[in-house]
C-alpha atoms as a PDB file:
ATOM      1  CA  MET A   1     234.187 -34.088 153.461  1.00  0.00           C
ATOM      2  CA  ARG A   2     236.005 -37.004 155.060  1.00  0.00           C
ATOM      3  CA  ALA A   3     235.965 -35.318 158.471  1.00  0.00           C
ATOM      4  CA  PHE A   4     232.299 -34.376 158.043  1.00  0.00           C
ATOM      5  CA  ARG A   5     231.385 -37.955 157.067  1.00  0.00           C
ATOM      6  CA  LEU A   6     233.254 -39.372 160.066  1.00  0.00           C
ATOM      7  CA  LEU A   7     231.577 -36.837 162.353  1.00  0.00           C
ATOM      8  CA  LEU A   8     228.133 -37.832 161.069  1.00  0.00           C
ATOM      9  CA  HIS A   9     228.864 -41.529 161.565  1.00  0.00           C
ATOM     10  CA  PHE A  10     230.280 -40.927 165.030  1.00  0.00           C
ATOM     11  CA  GLY A  11     227.313 -38.729 165.957  1.00  0.00           C
ATOM     12  CA  TYR A  12     224.861 -41.393 164.812  1.00  0.00           C
ATOM     13  CA  GLN A  13     226.554 -44.144 166.834  1.00  0.00           C
ATOM     14  CA  GLU A  14     226.738 -41.886 169.894  1.00  0.00           C
ATOM     15  CA  ALA A  15     223.048 -41.010 169.534  1.00  0.00           C
ATOM     16  CA  MET A  16     222.111 -44.703 169.303  1.00  0.00           C
ATOM     17  CA  SER A  17     224.232 -45.378 172.398  1.00  0.00           C
ATOM     18  CA  CYS A  18     222.253 -42.714 174.290  1.00  0.00           C
ATOM     19  CA  ILE A  19     218.819 -44.262 173.742  1.00  0.00           C
ATOM     20  CA  PHE A  20     218.252 -45.022 177.425  1.00  0.00           C
ATOM     21  CA  PRO A  21     219.392 -41.573 178.708  1.00  0.00           C
ATOM     22  CA  VAL A  22     217.308 -39.822 176.023  1.00  0.00           C
ATOM     23  CA  PHE A  23     214.255 -41.849 177.051  1.00  0.00           C
ATOM     24  CA  ILE A  24     214.739 -40.827 180.693  1.00  0.00           C
ATOM     25  CA  PHE A  25     215.002 -37.147 179.733  1.00  0.00           C
ATOM     26  CA  ALA A  26     211.889 -37.447 177.588  1.00  0.00           C
ATOM     27  CA  ALA A  27     210.024 -39.115 180.467  1.00  0.00           C
ATOM     28  CA  LEU A  28     211.160 -36.361 182.852  1.00  0.00           C
ATOM     29  CA  ALA A  29     209.989 -33.662 180.447  1.00  0.00           C
ATOM     30  CA  VAL A  30     206.589 -35.232 179.718  1.00  0.00           C
ATOM     31  CA  SER A  31     205.889 -36.156 183.350  1.00  0.00           C
ATOM     32  CA  LYS A  32     206.575 -32.570 184.446  1.00  0.00           C
ATOM     33  CA  PHE A  33     203.582 -31.336 182.445  1.00  0.00           C
ATOM     34  CA  VAL A  34     201.397 -34.457 182.136  1.00  0.00           C
ATOM     35  CA  SER A  35     200.170 -36.333 185.196  1.00  0.00           C
ATOM     36  CA  ILE A  36     198.088 -39.468 185.758  1.00  0.00           C
ATOM     37  CA  PRO A  37     195.505 -39.160 188.542  1.00  0.00           C
ATOM     38  CA  GLY A  38     196.348 -41.416 191.490  1.00  0.00           C
ATOM     39  CA  LEU A  39     199.897 -42.091 190.286  1.00  0.00           C
ATOM     40  CA  ALA A  40     202.763 -40.015 191.674  1.00  0.00           C
ATOM     41  CA  ARG A  41     205.283 -38.699 189.179  1.00  0.00           C
ATOM     42  CA  TYR A  42     208.247 -40.618 190.625  1.00  0.00           C
ATOM     43  CA  ASP A  43     206.215 -43.840 190.606  1.00  0.00           C
ATOM     44  CA  LEU A  44     205.300 -43.231 186.968  1.00  0.00           C
ATOM     45  CA  LEU A  45     208.954 -42.673 186.103  1.00  0.00           C
ATOM     46  CA  LEU A  46     209.888 -45.954 187.790  1.00  0.00           C
ATOM     47  CA  LEU A  47     207.242 -47.862 185.820  1.00  0.00           C
ATOM     48  CA  LEU A  48     208.329 -46.212 182.555  1.00  0.00           C
ATOM     49  CA  CYS A  49     212.001 -47.024 183.169  1.00  0.00           C
ATOM     50  CA  LEU A  50     211.205 -50.654 183.987  1.00  0.00           C
ATOM     51  CA  LEU A  51     209.054 -50.958 180.875  1.00  0.00           C
ATOM     52  CA  PHE A  52     211.698 -49.388 178.643  1.00  0.00           C
ATOM     53  CA  GLN A  53     214.362 -51.652 180.102  1.00  0.00           C
ATOM     54  CA  VAL A  54     212.269 -54.662 179.070  1.00  0.00           C
ATOM     55  CA  VAL A  55     211.844 -53.145 175.588  1.00  0.00           C
ATOM     56  CA  MET A  56     215.604 -52.612 175.271  1.00  0.00           C
ATOM     57  CA  VAL A  57     216.334 -56.271 176.001  1.00  0.00           C
ATOM     58  CA  LYS A  58     213.424 -57.739 174.023  1.00  0.00           C
ATOM     59  CA  SER A  59     214.327 -55.658 170.959  1.00  0.00           C
ATOM     60  CA  ARG A  60     217.974 -56.722 171.383  1.00  0.00           C
ATOM     61  CA  LEU A  61     219.148 -53.136 171.647  1.00  0.00           C
ATOM     62  CA  GLU A  62     220.767 -54.403 174.842  1.00  0.00           C
ATOM     63  CA  THR A  63     222.147 -57.851 175.497  1.00  0.00           C
ATOM     64  CA  LYS A  64     221.488 -59.857 178.652  1.00  0.00           C
ATOM     65  CA  ASP A  65     225.125 -59.413 179.672  1.00  0.00           C
ATOM     66  CA  GLU A  66     224.740 -55.649 179.340  1.00  0.00           C
ATOM     67  CA  LEU A  67     221.594 -55.845 181.460  1.00  0.00           C
ATOM     68  CA  LYS A  68     223.643 -57.478 184.231  1.00  0.00           C
ATOM     69  CA  VAL A  69     226.157 -54.618 184.114  1.00  0.00           C
ATOM     70  CA  ILE A  70     223.362 -52.038 184.155  1.00  0.00           C
ATOM     71  CA  THR A  71     221.766 -53.729 187.172  1.00  0.00           C
ATOM     72  CA  VAL A  72     225.063 -53.477 189.064  1.00  0.00           C
ATOM     73  CA  PHE A  73     225.173 -49.751 188.328  1.00  0.00           C
ATOM     74  CA  HIS A  74     221.569 -49.370 189.434  1.00  0.00           C
ATOM     75  CA  LEU A  75     222.469 -50.793 192.844  1.00  0.00           C
ATOM     76  CA  ILE A  76     225.681 -48.761 193.112  1.00  0.00           C
ATOM     77  CA  GLY A  77     223.755 -45.609 192.204  1.00  0.00           C
ATOM     78  CA  LEU A  78     220.992 -46.277 194.724  1.00  0.00           C
ATOM     79  CA  ALA A  79     223.533 -46.806 197.493  1.00  0.00           C
ATOM     80  CA  LEU A  80     225.124 -43.458 196.668  1.00  0.00           C
ATOM     81  CA  GLU A  81     221.720 -41.761 196.429  1.00  0.00           C
ATOM     82  CA  LEU A  82     220.589 -43.036 199.832  1.00  0.00           C
ATOM     83  CA  PHE A  83     223.720 -41.689 201.466  1.00  0.00           C
ATOM     84  CA  LYS A  84     223.845 -38.348 199.651  1.00  0.00           C
ATOM     85  CA  VAL A  85     220.172 -37.547 200.230  1.00  0.00           C
ATOM     86  CA  HIS A  86     220.607 -38.437 203.912  1.00  0.00           C
ATOM     87  CA  MET A  87     223.560 -36.023 204.095  1.00  0.00           C
ATOM     88  CA  GLY A  88     221.563 -33.250 202.409  1.00  0.00           C
ATOM     89  CA  SER A  89     223.675 -33.056 199.237  1.00  0.00           C
ATOM     90  CA  TRP A  90     220.487 -33.047 197.152  1.00  0.00           C
ATOM     91  CA  GLY A  91     216.872 -34.091 197.517  1.00  0.00           C
ATOM     92  CA  TYR A  92     213.672 -35.285 195.830  1.00  0.00           C
ATOM     93  CA  PRO A  93     210.801 -33.002 196.839  1.00  0.00           C
ATOM     94  CA  GLU A  94     207.819 -34.860 195.395  1.00  0.00           C
ATOM     95  CA  PRO A  95     205.919 -37.648 197.222  1.00  0.00           C
ATOM     96  CA  ALA A  96     205.869 -41.221 195.912  1.00  0.00           C
ATOM     97  CA  VAL A  97     205.104 -44.751 197.048  1.00  0.00           C
ATOM     98  CA  SER A  98     208.413 -45.947 195.605  1.00  0.00           C
ATOM     99  CA  LYS A  99     210.549 -43.640 197.770  1.00  0.00           C
ATOM    100  CA  VAL A 100     212.899 -45.361 200.230  1.00  0.00           C
ATOM    101  CA  TYR A 101     214.391 -43.058 202.888  1.00  0.00           C
ATOM    102  CA  GLY A 102     213.623 -40.080 200.662  1.00  0.00           C
ATOM    103  CA  VAL A 103     215.075 -41.627 197.482  1.00  0.00           C
ATOM    104  CA  PRO A 104     212.755 -42.644 194.625  1.00  0.00           C
ATOM    105  CA  LEU A 105     213.777 -45.970 193.126  1.00  0.00           C
ATOM    106  CA  TYR A 106     213.690 -44.560 189.607  1.00  0.00           C
ATOM    107  CA  SER A 107     216.838 -42.565 190.450  1.00  0.00           C
ATOM    108  CA  GLY A 108     218.945 -45.703 190.138  1.00  0.00           C
ATOM    109  CA  PHE A 109     218.062 -45.786 186.450  1.00  0.00           C
ATOM    110  CA  MET A 110     219.829 -42.464 185.936  1.00  0.00           C
ATOM    111  CA  TYR A 111     223.079 -44.143 186.958  1.00  0.00           C
ATOM    112  CA  ALA A 112     222.103 -47.242 184.990  1.00  0.00           C
ATOM    113  CA  SER A 113     221.641 -45.064 181.905  1.00  0.00           C
ATOM    114  CA  VAL A 114     225.321 -44.074 182.130  1.00  0.00           C
ATOM    115  CA  ALA A 115     226.236 -47.752 182.186  1.00  0.00           C
ATOM    116  CA  SER A 116     223.867 -48.354 179.278  1.00  0.00           C
ATOM    117  CA  TYR A 117     225.644 -45.651 177.279  1.00  0.00           C
ATOM    118  CA  LEU A 118     229.081 -47.110 178.033  1.00  0.00           C
ATOM    119  CA  CYS A 119     228.019 -50.649 177.087  1.00  0.00           C
ATOM    120  CA  GLN A 120     226.278 -49.493 173.910  1.00  0.00           C
ATOM    121  CA  ALA A 121     229.160 -47.263 172.810  1.00  0.00           C
ATOM    122  CA  TRP A 122     231.673 -50.006 173.600  1.00  0.00           C
ATOM    123  CA  ARG A 123     229.857 -52.399 171.276  1.00  0.00           C
ATOM    124  CA  ARG A 124     228.819 -49.973 168.526  1.00  0.00           C
ATOM    125  CA  LEU A 125     232.221 -48.276 168.246  1.00  0.00           C
ATOM    126  CA  ASP A 126     234.197 -51.493 168.799  1.00  0.00           C
ATOM    127  CA  VAL A 127     236.089 -49.902 171.674  1.00  0.00           C
ATOM    128  CA  GLY A 128     239.511 -51.238 172.561  1.00  0.00           C
ATOM    129  CA  LEU A 129     242.115 -50.194 175.115  1.00  0.00           C
ATOM    130  CA  SER A 130     245.888 -50.088 174.935  1.00  0.00           C
ATOM    131  CA  ALA A 131     248.425 -49.711 177.748  1.00  0.00           C
ATOM    132  CA  TRP A 132     245.765 -50.511 180.369  1.00  0.00           C
ATOM    133  CA  PRO A 133     247.385 -50.381 183.833  1.00  0.00           C
ATOM    134  CA  ASN A 134     247.633 -53.299 186.218  1.00  0.00           C
ATOM    135  CA  GLN A 135     244.072 -54.448 186.850  1.00  0.00           C
ATOM    136  CA  TRP A 136     244.423 -54.429 190.637  1.00  0.00           C
ATOM    137  CA  LEU A 137     245.791 -50.891 190.540  1.00  0.00           C
ATOM    138  CA  ALA A 138     242.860 -49.782 188.364  1.00  0.00           C
ATOM    139  CA  VAL A 139     240.299 -51.526 190.589  1.00  0.00           C
ATOM    140  CA  CYS A 140     241.777 -50.103 193.799  1.00  0.00           C
ATOM    141  CA  LEU A 141     241.840 -46.613 192.316  1.00  0.00           C
ATOM    142  CA  GLY A 142     238.209 -46.945 191.216  1.00  0.00           C
ATOM    143  CA  ALA A 143     237.229 -48.175 194.686  1.00  0.00           C
ATOM    144  CA  ALA A 144     239.057 -45.228 196.309  1.00  0.00           C
ATOM    145  CA  VAL A 145     237.203 -42.788 194.040  1.00  0.00           C
ATOM    146  CA  TYR A 146     233.831 -44.328 194.894  1.00  0.00           C
ATOM    147  CA  LEU A 147     234.555 -44.405 198.646  1.00  0.00           C
ATOM    148  CA  ASN A 148     235.605 -40.745 198.595  1.00  0.00           C
ATOM    149  CA  PHE A 149     232.031 -39.806 197.626  1.00  0.00           C
ATOM    150  CA  PHE A 150     231.079 -41.118 201.081  1.00  0.00           C
ATOM    151  CA  THR A 151     234.107 -40.394 203.259  1.00  0.00           C
ATOM    152  CA  HIS A 152     234.621 -36.745 202.275  1.00  0.00           C
ATOM    153  CA  HIS A 153     231.638 -35.871 204.490  1.00  0.00           C
ATOM    154  CA  PHE A 154     233.629 -37.004 207.543  1.00  0.00           C
ATOM    155  CA  LEU A 155     237.281 -36.897 206.447  1.00  0.00           C
ATOM    156  CA  TRP A 156     239.283 -34.850 203.959  1.00  0.00           C
ATOM    157  CA  ASP A 157     238.005 -34.606 200.394  1.00  0.00           C
ATOM    158  CA  VAL A 158     240.860 -36.123 198.385  1.00  0.00           C
ATOM    159  CA  ARG A 159     239.222 -35.840 194.960  1.00  0.00           C
ATOM    160  CA  TRP A 160     242.067 -33.717 193.604  1.00  0.00           C
ATOM    161  CA  VAL A 161     244.655 -36.174 194.881  1.00  0.00           C
ATOM    162  CA  LEU A 162     242.678 -38.946 193.198  1.00  0.00           C
ATOM    163  CA  THR A 163     242.427 -36.880 190.004  1.00  0.00           C
ATOM    164  CA  VAL A 164     246.218 -36.513 189.888  1.00  0.00           C
ATOM    165  CA  ALA A 165     246.561 -40.247 190.550  1.00  0.00           C
ATOM    166  CA  ILE A 166     244.167 -40.967 187.673  1.00  0.00           C
ATOM    167  CA  PHE A 167     246.261 -38.939 185.225  1.00  0.00           C
ATOM    168  CA  ILE A 168     249.411 -40.706 186.407  1.00  0.00           C
ATOM    169  CA  VAL A 169     247.937 -44.221 186.260  1.00  0.00           C
ATOM    170  CA  PHE A 170     246.116 -43.757 182.932  1.00  0.00           C
ATOM    171  CA  TRP A 171     248.595 -41.375 181.297  1.00  0.00           C
ATOM    172  CA  ARG A 172     249.644 -43.891 178.612  1.00  0.00           C
ATOM    173  CA  THR A 173     246.230 -45.558 178.231  1.00  0.00           C
ATOM    174  CA  ARG A 174     244.427 -44.931 174.961  1.00  0.00           C
ATOM    175  CA  VAL A 175     240.861 -45.735 174.001  1.00  0.00           C
ATOM    176  CA  HIS A 176     240.565 -46.913 170.387  1.00  0.00           C
ATOM    177  CA  PHE A 177     237.270 -46.808 168.512  1.00  0.00           C
ATOM    178  CA  GLN A 178     235.940 -47.491 165.032  1.00  0.00           C
ATOM    179  CA  VAL A 179     234.258 -44.714 163.031  1.00  0.00           C
ATOM    180  CA  ALA A 180     233.152 -46.005 159.622  1.00  0.00           C
ATOM    181  CA  GLU A 181     236.330 -47.481 158.110  1.00  0.00           C
ATOM    182  CA  GLU A 182     238.651 -45.393 160.302  1.00  0.00           C
ATOM    183  CA  ARG A 183     240.294 -46.588 163.524  1.00  0.00           C
ATOM    184  CA  LEU A 184     240.753 -43.589 165.813  1.00  0.00           C
ATOM    185  CA  TRP A 185     241.978 -43.074 169.366  1.00  0.00           C
ATOM    186  CA  MET A 186     242.140 -40.535 172.181  1.00  0.00           C
ATOM    187  CA  PRO A 187     243.818 -40.422 175.607  1.00  0.00           C
ATOM    188  CA  LEU A 188     241.575 -42.135 178.145  1.00  0.00           C
ATOM    189  CA  PRO A 189     241.571 -39.212 180.658  1.00  0.00           C
ATOM    190  CA  LEU A 190     240.245 -36.981 177.855  1.00  0.00           C
ATOM    191  CA  ALA A 191     237.429 -39.471 177.219  1.00  0.00           C
ATOM    192  CA  PHE A 192     236.625 -39.406 180.962  1.00  0.00           C
ATOM    193  CA  PHE A 193     236.425 -35.609 180.926  1.00  0.00           C
ATOM    194  CA  LEU A 194     234.274 -35.397 177.785  1.00  0.00           C
ATOM    195  CA  ILE A 195     231.744 -37.925 179.108  1.00  0.00           C
ATOM    196  CA  GLY A 196     231.670 -36.153 182.486  1.00  0.00           C
ATOM    197  CA  PHE A 197     231.138 -32.772 180.789  1.00  0.00           C
ATOM    198  CA  PHE A 198     228.171 -33.982 178.750  1.00  0.00           C
ATOM    199  CA  ILE A 199     226.667 -35.670 181.823  1.00  0.00           C
ATOM    200  CA  TRP A 200     226.925 -32.290 183.595  1.00  0.00           C
ATOM    201  CA  ILE A 201     224.959 -30.723 180.736  1.00  0.00           C
ATOM    202  CA  ALA A 202     222.418 -33.541 181.042  1.00  0.00           C
ATOM    203  CA  GLU A 203     222.283 -32.932 184.806  1.00  0.00           C
ATOM    204  CA  ASN A 204     221.280 -29.322 184.183  1.00  0.00           C
ATOM    205  CA  ILE A 205     218.459 -30.536 181.945  1.00  0.00           C
ATOM    206  CA  ALA A 206     217.361 -33.129 184.520  1.00  0.00           C
ATOM    207  CA  THR A 207     217.238 -30.652 187.403  1.00  0.00           C
ATOM    208  CA  PHE A 208     215.358 -28.174 185.203  1.00  0.00           C
ATOM    209  CA  PHE A 209     212.658 -30.812 184.767  1.00  0.00           C
ATOM    210  CA  GLY A 210     212.614 -31.476 188.516  1.00  0.00           C
ATOM    211  CA  ALA A 211     214.327 -34.871 188.597  1.00  0.00           C
ATOM    212  CA  TRP A 212     215.978 -33.715 191.835  1.00  0.00           C
ATOM    213  CA  TYR A 213     217.281 -30.451 193.255  1.00  0.00           C
ATOM    214  CA  TYR A 214     220.494 -29.160 194.787  1.00  0.00           C
ATOM    215  CA  PRO A 215     220.447 -26.834 197.823  1.00  0.00           C
ATOM    216  CA  ASN A 216     220.912 -23.771 195.565  1.00  0.00           C
ATOM    217  CA  GLN A 217     217.829 -24.831 193.562  1.00  0.00           C
ATOM    218  CA  ARG A 218     215.312 -24.964 196.424  1.00  0.00           C
ATOM    219  CA  ASP A 219     213.748 -21.625 195.514  1.00  0.00           C
ATOM    220  CA  GLY A 220     213.920 -22.120 191.749  1.00  0.00           C
ATOM    221  CA  TRP A 221     216.108 -23.633 189.085  1.00  0.00           C
ATOM    222  CA  ASP A 222     219.692 -22.459 188.856  1.00  0.00           C
ATOM    223  CA  ILE A 223     222.592 -23.823 186.837  1.00  0.00           C
ATOM    224  CA  VAL A 224     224.361 -26.786 188.432  1.00  0.00           C
ATOM    225  CA  HIS A 225     227.686 -25.648 189.829  1.00  0.00           C
ATOM    226  CA  ILE A 226     230.526 -26.233 187.394  1.00  0.00           C
ATOM    227  CA  SER A 227     232.466 -28.087 190.105  1.00  0.00           C
ATOM    228  CA  LYS A 228     230.057 -31.001 189.573  1.00  0.00           C
ATOM    229  CA  ILE A 229     231.967 -31.761 186.364  1.00  0.00           C
ATOM    230  CA  SER A 230     234.788 -33.071 188.548  1.00  0.00           C
ATOM    231  CA  SER A 231     232.318 -35.302 190.412  1.00  0.00           C
ATOM    232  CA  TRP A 232     230.998 -36.765 187.165  1.00  0.00           C
ATOM    233  CA  PHE A 233     234.546 -37.095 185.845  1.00  0.00           C
ATOM    234  CA  LEU A 234     235.343 -39.283 188.838  1.00  0.00           C
ATOM    235  CA  LEU A 235     232.080 -41.233 188.695  1.00  0.00           C
ATOM    236  CA  VAL A 236     232.602 -41.942 184.987  1.00  0.00           C
ATOM    237  CA  ILE A 237     236.001 -43.396 185.870  1.00  0.00           C
ATOM    238  CA  VAL A 238     234.377 -45.774 188.371  1.00  0.00           C
ATOM    239  CA  SER A 239     231.831 -46.764 185.722  1.00  0.00           C
ATOM    240  CA  PHE A 240     234.452 -47.221 183.018  1.00  0.00           C
ATOM    241  CA  ILE A 241     236.742 -49.316 185.208  1.00  0.00           C
ATOM    242  CA  ILE A 242     233.869 -51.642 186.139  1.00  0.00           C
ATOM    243  CA  VAL A 243     232.807 -52.069 182.486  1.00  0.00           C
ATOM    244  CA  ALA A 244     236.416 -52.560 181.345  1.00  0.00           C
ATOM    245  CA  GLN A 245     237.100 -55.183 184.029  1.00  0.00           C
ATOM    246  CA  LEU A 246     233.881 -57.055 183.240  1.00  0.00           C
ATOM    247  CA  LYS A 247     234.758 -57.000 179.531  1.00  0.00           C
ATOM    248  CA  HIS A 248     238.207 -58.346 180.391  1.00  0.00           C
ATOM    249  CA  VAL A 249     236.766 -61.149 182.549  1.00  0.00           C
ATOM    250  CA  LYS A 250     234.279 -62.097 179.819  1.00  0.00           C
ATOM    251  CA  SER A 251     236.977 -62.070 177.138  1.00  0.00           C
ATOM    252  CA  ARG A 252     239.274 -64.228 179.250  1.00  0.00           C
ATOM    253  CA  ALA A 253     236.452 -66.686 180.011  1.00  0.00           C
ATOM    254  CA  ALA A 254     235.580 -66.894 176.311  1.00  0.00           C
ATOM    255  CA  GLY A 255     239.230 -67.567 175.486  1.00  0.00           C
ATOM    256  CA  GLN A 256     239.481 -70.352 178.056  1.00  0.00           C
ATOM    257  CA  LYS A 257     236.280 -71.925 176.746  1.00  0.00           C
ATOM    258  CA  SER A 258     237.609 -71.769 173.192  1.00  0.00           C
ATOM    259  CA  ASN A 259     240.874 -73.426 174.228  1.00  0.00           C
ATOM    260  CA  LYS A 260     239.004 -76.262 175.925  1.00  0.00           C
ATOM    261  CA  GLN A 261     236.947 -76.897 172.800  1.00  0.00           C
ATOM    262  CA  THR A 262     239.979 -76.871 170.484  1.00  0.00           C
ATOM    263  CA  PRO A 263     241.211 -80.447 169.788  1.00  0.00           C
ATOM    264  CA  VAL A 264     244.845 -81.134 170.598  1.00  0.00           C
END
């Protein structure tokens, strides 16, 4: 009963953390079967995402600081989308006014939704980290992972070298989280893998609803290749490192402000 109760509480907090991704999936599903005359589907999705983002902040489901983080991810995602679509890794077949070099602007919100999940889960589960590696080492590793998404088209794909480096660097790092009255933990690389795995499942749902297509899906939907789990594993690491570093900077700034206000 204790395990079942903890699982229910954890499931509820995870579901609440996934509000933005769930909204995007719902919008993809509805827009596949319901259209508005004179408004392209991708344009509609962009308007819906913008509107829901406003609702998230106004209802205080997201804080303004979290919105800043999400905006950063939106830009990072769009940069990756522009490059990958140009290289033919995937594509967006439908026309839209809001497409830039073949990339609809709503696509950035799919990356932003990952950031939204991380920020929400961090706050709702009171996430903490132990044995975090040197911050410059973590940042450089995250930057190398992100750059490899671009450079592997021209140079060697070193994702497996980076994966080994990730396990070495984060081997001792644990992510601690609160579930009801229990304080639990798991190895950070395992958390990376689990998030990447569920994003891969979500990616299959998204491509089924025509959010984008891979080359093997041009003639009809097919399951996303399982190797994409490794790509999401690596992208989650980039996302997590950015959120963790921003949380660290904010915490340090808050501590310095508190020290200045404390009378000597």
